[in-house]
């Protein structure tokens, strides 16, 4: 993430939270009061988003000094510190919730991703994210996936061709088949981009491979179908399993031999982890 996008995201969050002013802090805490705070994990987690927390404190006062205890992507145990911040108490108090919101959400995504990555260890499968992200937070959330050891799929509709079921439905009358027509047009229009085709059946898998797709997305297939599809695609195209992937079932999917497993839950259903900020006396 660039410094510019971090500052933009933090500025929007602070403006949303503080509005015309943090009335409690302005009323109760004199401007001259200094304080020191520690941000600490209250459960085991994988770290992501420290730069956003730092920026939240520093945005409100250049006098705030922030020291990291760890770095993004590190795994920490319960009660381990993530960072310390020292400076004007008003800045620390007013930035607290924004800093924690970024950390709890992004560490939650990184932690869940790491659990999926651990579950498929020693298989060929790589864990992918999807476009099922919080509007406006996509790059942040995909960064957190990377911190957890996952791999980013396409960032948006612009950086990879992914021909899905509704594209094929729109081309149902094409000859020789919708998949062949779509892949041919994609190659002609965007020769520099990879082309992936969603397949619901083994017949569609064969059509995608025959058309020259780089990757075949095996959508909601059972384990038997996945194994057969992997064999169909061997040395011809890479494979991605998708649809309803859970932590309990991901290992079995990986053992079918697929190259990738995409998991929408990494970003649409990750739990915010427990992280707290406490002033040190």
C-alpha atoms as a PDB file:
ATOM      1  CA  UNK A   1       0.000   0.000   0.000  1.00  0.00           C
ATOM      2  CA  UNK A   2       1.307   3.457  -0.863  1.00  0.00           C
ATOM      3  CA  UNK A   3       1.648   6.223   1.713  1.00  0.00           C
ATOM      4  CA  UNK A   4      -0.920   8.206  -0.268  1.00  0.00           C
ATOM      5  CA  UNK A   5      -3.649   5.573  -0.092  1.00  0.00           C
ATOM      6  CA  UNK A   6      -2.953   4.964   3.596  1.00  0.00           C
ATOM      7  CA  UNK A   7      -3.301   8.680   4.345  1.00  0.00           C
ATOM      8  CA  UNK A   8      -6.475   8.904   2.270  1.00  0.00           C
ATOM      9  CA  UNK A   9      -8.119   5.965   4.028  1.00  0.00           C
ATOM     10  CA  UNK A  10      -7.137   7.249   7.473  1.00  0.00           C
ATOM     11  CA  UNK A  11      -8.265  10.802   6.765  1.00  0.00           C
ATOM     12  CA  UNK A  12     -11.698   9.583   5.672  1.00  0.00           C
ATOM     13  CA  UNK A  13     -12.061   7.404   8.761  1.00  0.00           C
ATOM     14  CA  UNK A  14     -11.010  10.172  11.145  1.00  0.00           C
ATOM     15  CA  UNK A  15     -13.350  12.668   9.499  1.00  0.00           C
ATOM     16  CA  UNK A  16     -16.218  10.197   9.839  1.00  0.00           C
ATOM     17  CA  UNK A  17     -15.521   9.556  13.514  1.00  0.00           C
ATOM     18  CA  UNK A  18     -14.453  12.969  14.799  1.00  0.00           C
ATOM     19  CA  UNK A  19     -16.722  15.169  12.692  1.00  0.00           C
ATOM     20  CA  UNK A  20     -16.777  18.677  14.156  1.00  0.00           C
ATOM     21  CA  UNK A  21     -14.770  17.556  17.182  1.00  0.00           C
ATOM     22  CA  UNK A  22     -14.261  14.877  19.840  1.00  0.00           C
ATOM     23  CA  UNK A  23     -16.430  16.645  22.384  1.00  0.00           C
ATOM     24  CA  UNK A  24     -15.646  14.313  25.279  1.00  0.00           C
ATOM     25  CA  UNK A  25     -11.893  14.653  24.939  1.00  0.00           C
ATOM     26  CA  UNK A  26     -11.999  18.393  24.204  1.00  0.00           C
ATOM     27  CA  UNK A  27     -14.124  18.984  27.289  1.00  0.00           C
ATOM     28  CA  UNK A  28     -12.391  16.691  29.750  1.00  0.00           C
ATOM     29  CA  UNK A  29      -8.694  16.515  28.806  1.00  0.00           C
ATOM     30  CA  UNK A  30      -6.484  19.639  28.840  1.00  0.00           C
ATOM     31  CA  UNK A  31      -4.410  20.276  25.734  1.00  0.00           C
ATOM     32  CA  UNK A  32      -1.174  20.058  27.714  1.00  0.00           C
ATOM     33  CA  UNK A  33      -1.666  16.494  29.007  1.00  0.00           C
ATOM     34  CA  UNK A  34       0.776  13.908  27.655  1.00  0.00           C
ATOM     35  CA  UNK A  35       0.243  10.148  27.693  1.00  0.00           C
ATOM     36  CA  UNK A  36       1.649   6.816  26.599  1.00  0.00           C
ATOM     37  CA  UNK A  37      -0.492   3.993  25.253  1.00  0.00           C
ATOM     38  CA  UNK A  38       0.124   0.422  24.203  1.00  0.00           C
ATOM     39  CA  UNK A  39      -1.869  -1.466  21.573  1.00  0.00           C
ATOM     40  CA  UNK A  40      -1.964  -5.130  22.510  1.00  0.00           C
ATOM     41  CA  UNK A  41      -3.317  -8.369  21.043  1.00  0.00           C
ATOM     42  CA  UNK A  42      -5.923  -9.921  23.299  1.00  0.00           C
ATOM     43  CA  UNK A  43      -5.867 -13.209  21.405  1.00  0.00           C
ATOM     44  CA  UNK A  44      -3.420 -14.995  19.083  1.00  0.00           C
ATOM     45  CA  UNK A  45      -3.436 -13.330  15.658  1.00  0.00           C
ATOM     46  CA  UNK A  46      -1.547 -12.476  12.486  1.00  0.00           C
ATOM     47  CA  UNK A  47      -0.645  -8.800  12.227  1.00  0.00           C
ATOM     48  CA  UNK A  48      -1.798  -6.543   9.379  1.00  0.00           C
ATOM     49  CA  UNK A  49      -2.438  -2.814   9.129  1.00  0.00           C
ATOM     50  CA  UNK A  50       0.109  -1.280  11.504  1.00  0.00           C
ATOM     51  CA  UNK A  51       0.835   1.556   9.079  1.00  0.00           C
ATOM     52  CA  UNK A  52      -2.814   2.622   9.166  1.00  0.00           C
ATOM     53  CA  UNK A  53      -2.882   2.671  12.966  1.00  0.00           C
ATOM     54  CA  UNK A  54       0.305   4.721  13.045  1.00  0.00           C
ATOM     55  CA  UNK A  55      -1.091   7.160  10.501  1.00  0.00           C
ATOM     56  CA  UNK A  56      -4.270   7.611  12.555  1.00  0.00           C
ATOM     57  CA  UNK A  57      -2.290   8.811  15.581  1.00  0.00           C
ATOM     58  CA  UNK A  58       0.129  10.973  13.606  1.00  0.00           C
ATOM     59  CA  UNK A  59      -2.624  12.564  11.528  1.00  0.00           C
ATOM     60  CA  UNK A  60      -3.971  14.219  14.678  1.00  0.00           C
ATOM     61  CA  UNK A  61      -0.585  15.342  16.025  1.00  0.00           C
ATOM     62  CA  UNK A  62       2.893  15.322  14.555  1.00  0.00           C
ATOM     63  CA  UNK A  63       4.148  15.177  18.152  1.00  0.00           C
ATOM     64  CA  UNK A  64       2.930  11.598  18.578  1.00  0.00           C
ATOM     65  CA  UNK A  65       5.776   9.073  18.582  1.00  0.00           C
ATOM     66  CA  UNK A  66       4.854   5.546  17.475  1.00  0.00           C
ATOM     67  CA  UNK A  67       7.069   2.499  18.010  1.00  0.00           C
ATOM     68  CA  UNK A  68       6.235  -0.882  16.532  1.00  0.00           C
ATOM     69  CA  UNK A  69       6.771  -3.980  18.635  1.00  0.00           C
ATOM     70  CA  UNK A  70       6.241  -6.298  15.640  1.00  0.00           C
ATOM     71  CA  UNK A  71       5.780  -6.048  11.870  1.00  0.00           C
ATOM     72  CA  UNK A  72       2.902  -6.941   9.575  1.00  0.00           C
ATOM     73  CA  UNK A  73       2.646 -10.661   8.726  1.00  0.00           C
ATOM     74  CA  UNK A  74       4.066 -11.690  12.117  1.00  0.00           C
ATOM     75  CA  UNK A  75       2.133 -14.108  14.311  1.00  0.00           C
ATOM     76  CA  UNK A  76       1.694 -12.937  17.882  1.00  0.00           C
ATOM     77  CA  UNK A  77       0.398 -14.572  21.038  1.00  0.00           C
ATOM     78  CA  UNK A  78      -2.271 -13.298  23.403  1.00  0.00           C
ATOM     79  CA  UNK A  79      -1.187 -10.226  25.372  1.00  0.00           C
ATOM     80  CA  UNK A  80       1.723  -9.371  23.069  1.00  0.00           C
ATOM     81  CA  UNK A  81       2.137  -5.663  22.242  1.00  0.00           C
ATOM     82  CA  UNK A  82       1.759  -4.525  18.646  1.00  0.00           C
ATOM     83  CA  UNK A  83       2.820  -0.913  19.021  1.00  0.00           C
ATOM     84  CA  UNK A  84       3.261   1.915  21.499  1.00  0.00           C
ATOM     85  CA  UNK A  85       2.228   5.526  21.008  1.00  0.00           C
ATOM     86  CA  UNK A  86       3.291   8.494  23.101  1.00  0.00           C
ATOM     87  CA  UNK A  87       2.373  12.155  22.859  1.00  0.00           C
ATOM     88  CA  UNK A  88      -0.558  14.511  23.401  1.00  0.00           C
ATOM     89  CA  UNK A  89      -3.334  12.621  25.174  1.00  0.00           C
ATOM     90  CA  UNK A  90      -5.994  14.284  23.047  1.00  0.00           C
ATOM     91  CA  UNK A  91      -4.528  12.842  19.839  1.00  0.00           C
ATOM     92  CA  UNK A  92      -4.236   9.359  21.313  1.00  0.00           C
ATOM     93  CA  UNK A  93      -7.816   9.403  22.587  1.00  0.00           C
ATOM     94  CA  UNK A  94      -9.374  10.782  19.423  1.00  0.00           C
ATOM     95  CA  UNK A  95      -7.498   8.373  17.116  1.00  0.00           C
ATOM     96  CA  UNK A  96      -7.980   5.285  19.285  1.00  0.00           C
ATOM     97  CA  UNK A  97     -11.120   3.835  17.684  1.00  0.00           C
ATOM     98  CA  UNK A  98     -10.029   4.481  14.111  1.00  0.00           C
ATOM     99  CA  UNK A  99      -6.645   2.865  14.740  1.00  0.00           C
ATOM    100  CA  UNK A 100      -8.280  -0.155  16.355  1.00  0.00           C
ATOM    101  CA  UNK A 101     -10.936  -0.473  13.650  1.00  0.00           C
ATOM    102  CA  UNK A 102      -8.245  -0.781  10.986  1.00  0.00           C
ATOM    103  CA  UNK A 103      -6.190  -3.215  13.032  1.00  0.00           C
ATOM    104  CA  UNK A 104      -9.033  -5.433  14.211  1.00  0.00           C
ATOM    105  CA  UNK A 105     -10.487  -5.813  10.728  1.00  0.00           C
ATOM    106  CA  UNK A 106      -7.223  -6.315   8.846  1.00  0.00           C
ATOM    107  CA  UNK A 107      -5.643  -8.569  11.471  1.00  0.00           C
ATOM    108  CA  UNK A 108      -8.856 -10.603  11.402  1.00  0.00           C
ATOM    109  CA  UNK A 109      -8.513 -11.146   7.655  1.00  0.00           C
ATOM    110  CA  UNK A 110      -4.816 -11.994   7.951  1.00  0.00           C
ATOM    111  CA  UNK A 111      -5.510 -14.424  10.797  1.00  0.00           C
ATOM    112  CA  UNK A 112      -8.287 -16.255   8.947  1.00  0.00           C
ATOM    113  CA  UNK A 113      -6.171 -16.408   5.797  1.00  0.00           C
ATOM    114  CA  UNK A 114      -3.286 -17.945   7.744  1.00  0.00           C
ATOM    115  CA  UNK A 115      -5.633 -20.633   9.062  1.00  0.00           C
ATOM    116  CA  UNK A 116      -6.601 -21.590   5.499  1.00  0.00           C
ATOM    117  CA  UNK A 117      -2.970 -21.491   4.361  1.00  0.00           C
ATOM    118  CA  UNK A 118      -1.953 -23.729   7.267  1.00  0.00           C
ATOM    119  CA  UNK A 119      -4.757 -26.154   6.431  1.00  0.00           C
ATOM    120  CA  UNK A 120      -3.418 -26.804   2.899  1.00  0.00           C
ATOM    121  CA  UNK A 121       0.255 -26.982   3.872  1.00  0.00           C
ATOM    122  CA  UNK A 122       2.309 -29.505   1.871  1.00  0.00           C
ATOM    123  CA  UNK A 123      -0.183 -29.580  -1.005  1.00  0.00           C
ATOM    124  CA  UNK A 124       0.241 -27.713  -4.277  1.00  0.00           C
ATOM    125  CA  UNK A 125      -2.810 -25.539  -3.655  1.00  0.00           C
ATOM    126  CA  UNK A 126      -2.514 -21.813  -3.043  1.00  0.00           C
ATOM    127  CA  UNK A 127      -5.237 -19.870  -1.242  1.00  0.00           C
ATOM    128  CA  UNK A 128      -6.743 -16.999  -3.249  1.00  0.00           C
ATOM    129  CA  UNK A 129      -8.966 -14.111  -2.241  1.00  0.00           C
ATOM    130  CA  UNK A 130     -11.910 -12.791  -4.294  1.00  0.00           C
ATOM    131  CA  UNK A 131     -13.646  -9.506  -5.127  1.00  0.00           C
ATOM    132  CA  UNK A 132     -16.086 -10.025  -2.229  1.00  0.00           C
ATOM    133  CA  UNK A 133     -14.608  -7.128  -0.296  1.00  0.00           C
ATOM    134  CA  UNK A 134     -15.874  -4.145   1.695  1.00  0.00           C
ATOM    135  CA  UNK A 135     -16.534  -1.287  -0.775  1.00  0.00           C
ATOM    136  CA  UNK A 136     -13.610   1.138  -0.675  1.00  0.00           C
ATOM    137  CA  UNK A 137     -11.441  -1.260   1.342  1.00  0.00           C
ATOM    138  CA  UNK A 138     -10.419  -3.718  -1.393  1.00  0.00           C
ATOM    139  CA  UNK A 139      -6.714  -2.916  -1.494  1.00  0.00           C
ATOM    140  CA  UNK A 140      -6.540  -2.841   2.305  1.00  0.00           C
ATOM    141  CA  UNK A 141      -8.281  -6.191   2.639  1.00  0.00           C
ATOM    142  CA  UNK A 142      -6.255  -7.819  -0.115  1.00  0.00           C
ATOM    143  CA  UNK A 143      -3.113  -6.519   1.580  1.00  0.00           C
ATOM    144  CA  UNK A 144      -4.265  -8.272   4.758  1.00  0.00           C
ATOM    145  CA  UNK A 145      -4.779 -11.507   2.809  1.00  0.00           C
ATOM    146  CA  UNK A 146      -1.180 -11.264   1.619  1.00  0.00           C
ATOM    147  CA  UNK A 147      -0.031 -10.701   5.210  1.00  0.00           C
ATOM    148  CA  UNK A 148      -1.736 -13.972   6.124  1.00  0.00           C
ATOM    149  CA  UNK A 149       0.099 -15.877   3.410  1.00  0.00           C
ATOM    150  CA  UNK A 150      -2.676 -15.895   0.827  1.00  0.00           C
ATOM    151  CA  UNK A 151      -2.386 -14.837  -2.781  1.00  0.00           C
ATOM    152  CA  UNK A 152      -4.285 -11.987  -4.347  1.00  0.00           C
ATOM    153  CA  UNK A 153      -6.543 -12.898  -7.242  1.00  0.00           C
ATOM    154  CA  UNK A 154      -7.533 -10.081  -9.588  1.00  0.00           C
ATOM    155  CA  UNK A 155      -7.829  -6.636  -8.010  1.00  0.00           C
ATOM    156  CA  UNK A 156     -10.850  -5.741 -10.105  1.00  0.00           C
ATOM    157  CA  UNK A 157     -12.512  -6.185 -13.468  1.00  0.00           C
ATOM    158  CA  UNK A 158      -9.540  -4.659 -15.279  1.00  0.00           C
ATOM    159  CA  UNK A 159      -6.509  -6.879 -14.679  1.00  0.00           C
ATOM    160  CA  UNK A 160      -7.641 -10.350 -15.745  1.00  0.00           C
ATOM    161  CA  UNK A 161     -10.299 -11.895 -17.969  1.00  0.00           C
ATOM    162  CA  UNK A 162     -12.666 -14.102 -15.966  1.00  0.00           C
ATOM    163  CA  UNK A 163     -15.502 -15.516 -18.057  1.00  0.00           C
ATOM    164  CA  UNK A 164     -18.283 -16.534 -15.670  1.00  0.00           C
ATOM    165  CA  UNK A 165     -21.667 -18.225 -15.968  1.00  0.00           C
ATOM    166  CA  UNK A 166     -23.600 -15.041 -16.747  1.00  0.00           C
ATOM    167  CA  UNK A 167     -21.157 -14.128 -19.526  1.00  0.00           C
ATOM    168  CA  UNK A 168     -21.733 -17.567 -20.984  1.00  0.00           C
ATOM    169  CA  UNK A 169     -25.491 -17.240 -20.601  1.00  0.00           C
ATOM    170  CA  UNK A 170     -25.362 -14.044 -22.641  1.00  0.00           C
ATOM    171  CA  UNK A 171     -23.458 -15.953 -25.359  1.00  0.00           C
ATOM    172  CA  UNK A 172     -25.551 -19.126 -25.300  1.00  0.00           C
ATOM    173  CA  UNK A 173     -26.353 -18.972 -29.022  1.00  0.00           C
ATOM    174  CA  UNK A 174     -22.728 -18.603 -30.133  1.00  0.00           C
ATOM    175  CA  UNK A 175     -20.997 -21.240 -32.239  1.00  0.00           C
ATOM    176  CA  UNK A 176     -19.271 -23.643 -31.728  1.00  0.00           C
ATOM    177  CA  UNK A 177     -20.049 -22.904 -28.058  1.00  0.00           C
ATOM    178  CA  UNK A 178     -20.217 -19.932 -25.707  1.00  0.00           C
ATOM    179  CA  UNK A 179     -16.880 -20.696 -24.045  1.00  0.00           C
ATOM    180  CA  UNK A 180     -14.950 -20.915 -27.310  1.00  0.00           C
ATOM    181  CA  UNK A 181     -16.476 -17.668 -28.543  1.00  0.00           C
ATOM    182  CA  UNK A 182     -15.742 -15.816 -25.313  1.00  0.00           C
ATOM    183  CA  UNK A 183     -12.129 -17.018 -25.065  1.00  0.00           C
ATOM    184  CA  UNK A 184     -11.451 -16.174 -28.726  1.00  0.00           C
ATOM    185  CA  UNK A 185     -12.770 -12.639 -28.291  1.00  0.00           C
ATOM    186  CA  UNK A 186     -10.887 -12.132 -25.044  1.00  0.00           C
ATOM    187  CA  UNK A 187      -7.613 -13.197 -26.644  1.00  0.00           C
ATOM    188  CA  UNK A 188      -8.178 -10.828 -29.552  1.00  0.00           C
ATOM    189  CA  UNK A 189      -9.162  -7.855 -27.377  1.00  0.00           C
ATOM    190  CA  UNK A 190      -6.696  -8.298 -24.477  1.00  0.00           C
ATOM    191  CA  UNK A 191      -3.828 -10.540 -25.650  1.00  0.00           C
ATOM    192  CA  UNK A 192      -1.661  -9.510 -22.689  1.00  0.00           C
ATOM    193  CA  UNK A 193      -4.102 -10.729 -20.012  1.00  0.00           C
ATOM    194  CA  UNK A 194      -4.631 -14.189 -18.585  1.00  0.00           C
ATOM    195  CA  UNK A 195      -7.971 -15.782 -19.409  1.00  0.00           C
ATOM    196  CA  UNK A 196      -9.906 -17.827 -16.856  1.00  0.00           C
ATOM    197  CA  UNK A 197     -13.185 -19.633 -17.534  1.00  0.00           C
ATOM    198  CA  UNK A 198     -15.747 -20.746 -14.958  1.00  0.00           C
ATOM    199  CA  UNK A 199     -16.942 -24.315 -15.492  1.00  0.00           C
ATOM    200  CA  UNK A 200     -19.868 -25.977 -13.746  1.00  0.00           C
ATOM    201  CA  UNK A 201     -19.548 -29.319 -15.550  1.00  0.00           C
ATOM    202  CA  UNK A 202     -16.789 -31.545 -16.887  1.00  0.00           C
ATOM    203  CA  UNK A 203     -18.087 -30.822 -20.389  1.00  0.00           C
ATOM    204  CA  UNK A 204     -17.449 -27.130 -19.826  1.00  0.00           C
ATOM    205  CA  UNK A 205     -13.995 -27.966 -18.444  1.00  0.00           C
ATOM    206  CA  UNK A 206     -13.127 -29.673 -21.727  1.00  0.00           C
ATOM    207  CA  UNK A 207     -14.515 -26.764 -23.741  1.00  0.00           C
ATOM    208  CA  UNK A 208     -12.437 -24.283 -21.712  1.00  0.00           C
ATOM    209  CA  UNK A 209      -9.228 -26.261 -22.119  1.00  0.00           C
ATOM    210  CA  UNK A 210      -9.857 -26.795 -25.819  1.00  0.00           C
ATOM    211  CA  UNK A 211     -10.407 -23.058 -26.250  1.00  0.00           C
ATOM    212  CA  UNK A 212      -7.026 -22.335 -24.668  1.00  0.00           C
ATOM    213  CA  UNK A 213      -8.015 -20.943 -21.291  1.00  0.00           C
ATOM    214  CA  UNK A 214      -5.088 -20.358 -18.935  1.00  0.00           C
ATOM    215  CA  UNK A 215      -7.095 -21.275 -15.830  1.00  0.00           C
ATOM    216  CA  UNK A 216     -10.335 -23.197 -15.366  1.00  0.00           C
ATOM    217  CA  UNK A 217     -12.460 -22.218 -12.372  1.00  0.00           C
ATOM    218  CA  UNK A 218     -14.167 -25.354 -11.069  1.00  0.00           C
ATOM    219  CA  UNK A 219     -17.311 -23.964  -9.512  1.00  0.00           C
ATOM    220  CA  UNK A 220     -19.083 -25.862  -6.723  1.00  0.00           C
ATOM    221  CA  UNK A 221     -17.787 -29.256  -7.847  1.00  0.00           C
ATOM    222  CA  UNK A 222     -17.633 -32.202  -5.474  1.00  0.00           C
ATOM    223  CA  UNK A 223     -14.350 -33.965  -4.724  1.00  0.00           C
ATOM    224  CA  UNK A 224     -14.831 -36.630  -7.397  1.00  0.00           C
ATOM    225  CA  UNK A 225     -15.549 -34.008 -10.042  1.00  0.00           C
ATOM    226  CA  UNK A 226     -12.558 -31.957  -8.921  1.00  0.00           C
ATOM    227  CA  UNK A 227     -10.191 -34.912  -9.307  1.00  0.00           C
ATOM    228  CA  UNK A 228     -11.533 -35.689 -12.782  1.00  0.00           C
ATOM    229  CA  UNK A 229     -11.274 -32.031 -13.802  1.00  0.00           C
ATOM    230  CA  UNK A 230      -7.685 -31.819 -12.584  1.00  0.00           C
ATOM    231  CA  UNK A 231      -6.833 -34.798 -14.779  1.00  0.00           C
ATOM    232  CA  UNK A 232      -8.577 -33.203 -17.765  1.00  0.00           C
ATOM    233  CA  UNK A 233      -6.567 -30.019 -17.315  1.00  0.00           C
ATOM    234  CA  UNK A 234      -3.204 -31.661 -16.577  1.00  0.00           C
ATOM    235  CA  UNK A 235      -0.403 -30.001 -18.591  1.00  0.00           C
ATOM    236  CA  UNK A 236      -3.043 -27.945 -20.429  1.00  0.00           C
ATOM    237  CA  UNK A 237      -4.429 -25.398 -17.935  1.00  0.00           C
ATOM    238  CA  UNK A 238      -4.279 -24.513 -14.257  1.00  0.00           C
ATOM    239  CA  UNK A 239      -7.259 -25.201 -12.021  1.00  0.00           C
ATOM    240  CA  UNK A 240      -9.045 -23.194  -9.342  1.00  0.00           C
ATOM    241  CA  UNK A 241     -11.641 -24.641  -6.992  1.00  0.00           C
ATOM    242  CA  UNK A 242     -14.329 -22.247  -5.813  1.00  0.00           C
ATOM    243  CA  UNK A 243     -17.670 -22.182  -4.071  1.00  0.00           C
ATOM    244  CA  UNK A 244     -18.593 -22.760  -0.448  1.00  0.00           C
ATOM    245  CA  UNK A 245     -15.037 -23.472   0.692  1.00  0.00           C
ATOM    246  CA  UNK A 246     -14.769 -23.873   4.461  1.00  0.00           C
ATOM    247  CA  UNK A 247     -11.858 -24.304   6.818  1.00  0.00           C
ATOM    248  CA  UNK A 248     -13.082 -27.806   7.651  1.00  0.00           C
ATOM    249  CA  UNK A 249     -13.226 -28.865   4.014  1.00  0.00           C
ATOM    250  CA  UNK A 250     -10.361 -27.007   2.372  1.00  0.00           C
ATOM    251  CA  UNK A 251      -7.754 -29.715   2.980  1.00  0.00           C
ATOM    252  CA  UNK A 252      -9.783 -32.314   1.104  1.00  0.00           C
ATOM    253  CA  UNK A 253     -10.197 -29.903  -1.797  1.00  0.00           C
ATOM    254  CA  UNK A 254      -6.454 -29.218  -1.864  1.00  0.00           C
ATOM    255  CA  UNK A 255      -5.721 -32.940  -1.970  1.00  0.00           C
ATOM    256  CA  UNK A 256      -7.579 -33.281  -5.288  1.00  0.00           C
ATOM    257  CA  UNK A 257      -4.578 -31.591  -6.914  1.00  0.00           C
ATOM    258  CA  UNK A 258      -6.049 -28.194  -7.793  1.00  0.00           C
ATOM    259  CA  UNK A 259      -3.611 -25.312  -8.207  1.00  0.00           C
ATOM    260  CA  UNK A 260      -5.697 -22.678  -6.458  1.00  0.00           C
ATOM    261  CA  UNK A 261      -8.588 -22.486  -4.016  1.00  0.00           C
ATOM    262  CA  UNK A 262     -10.499 -19.210  -3.865  1.00  0.00           C
ATOM    263  CA  UNK A 263     -12.169 -18.336  -0.575  1.00  0.00           C
ATOM    264  CA  UNK A 264     -14.626 -15.447  -0.454  1.00  0.00           C
ATOM    265  CA  UNK A 265     -14.913 -15.808   3.315  1.00  0.00           C
ATOM    266  CA  UNK A 266     -11.401 -14.403   3.772  1.00  0.00           C
ATOM    267  CA  UNK A 267     -12.753 -10.923   3.195  1.00  0.00           C
ATOM    268  CA  UNK A 268     -16.532 -11.113   3.443  1.00  0.00           C
ATOM    269  CA  UNK A 269     -16.759 -13.094   6.685  1.00  0.00           C
ATOM    270  CA  UNK A 270     -13.539 -12.655   8.639  1.00  0.00           C
ATOM    271  CA  UNK A 271     -14.138 -11.944  12.325  1.00  0.00           C
ATOM    272  CA  UNK A 272     -12.631  -8.798  13.810  1.00  0.00           C
ATOM    273  CA  UNK A 273      -9.989  -9.987  16.248  1.00  0.00           C
ATOM    274  CA  UNK A 274      -9.697  -8.670  19.803  1.00  0.00           C
ATOM    275  CA  UNK A 275      -7.131  -5.879  20.078  1.00  0.00           C
ATOM    276  CA  UNK A 276      -7.083  -3.250  22.813  1.00  0.00           C
ATOM    277  CA  UNK A 277      -5.441   0.068  23.570  1.00  0.00           C
ATOM    278  CA  UNK A 278      -4.623   0.945  27.144  1.00  0.00           C
ATOM    279  CA  UNK A 279      -2.979   4.023  28.616  1.00  0.00           C
ATOM    280  CA  UNK A 280       0.075   3.252  30.717  1.00  0.00           C
ATOM    281  CA  UNK A 281       0.102   4.860  34.145  1.00  0.00           C
END
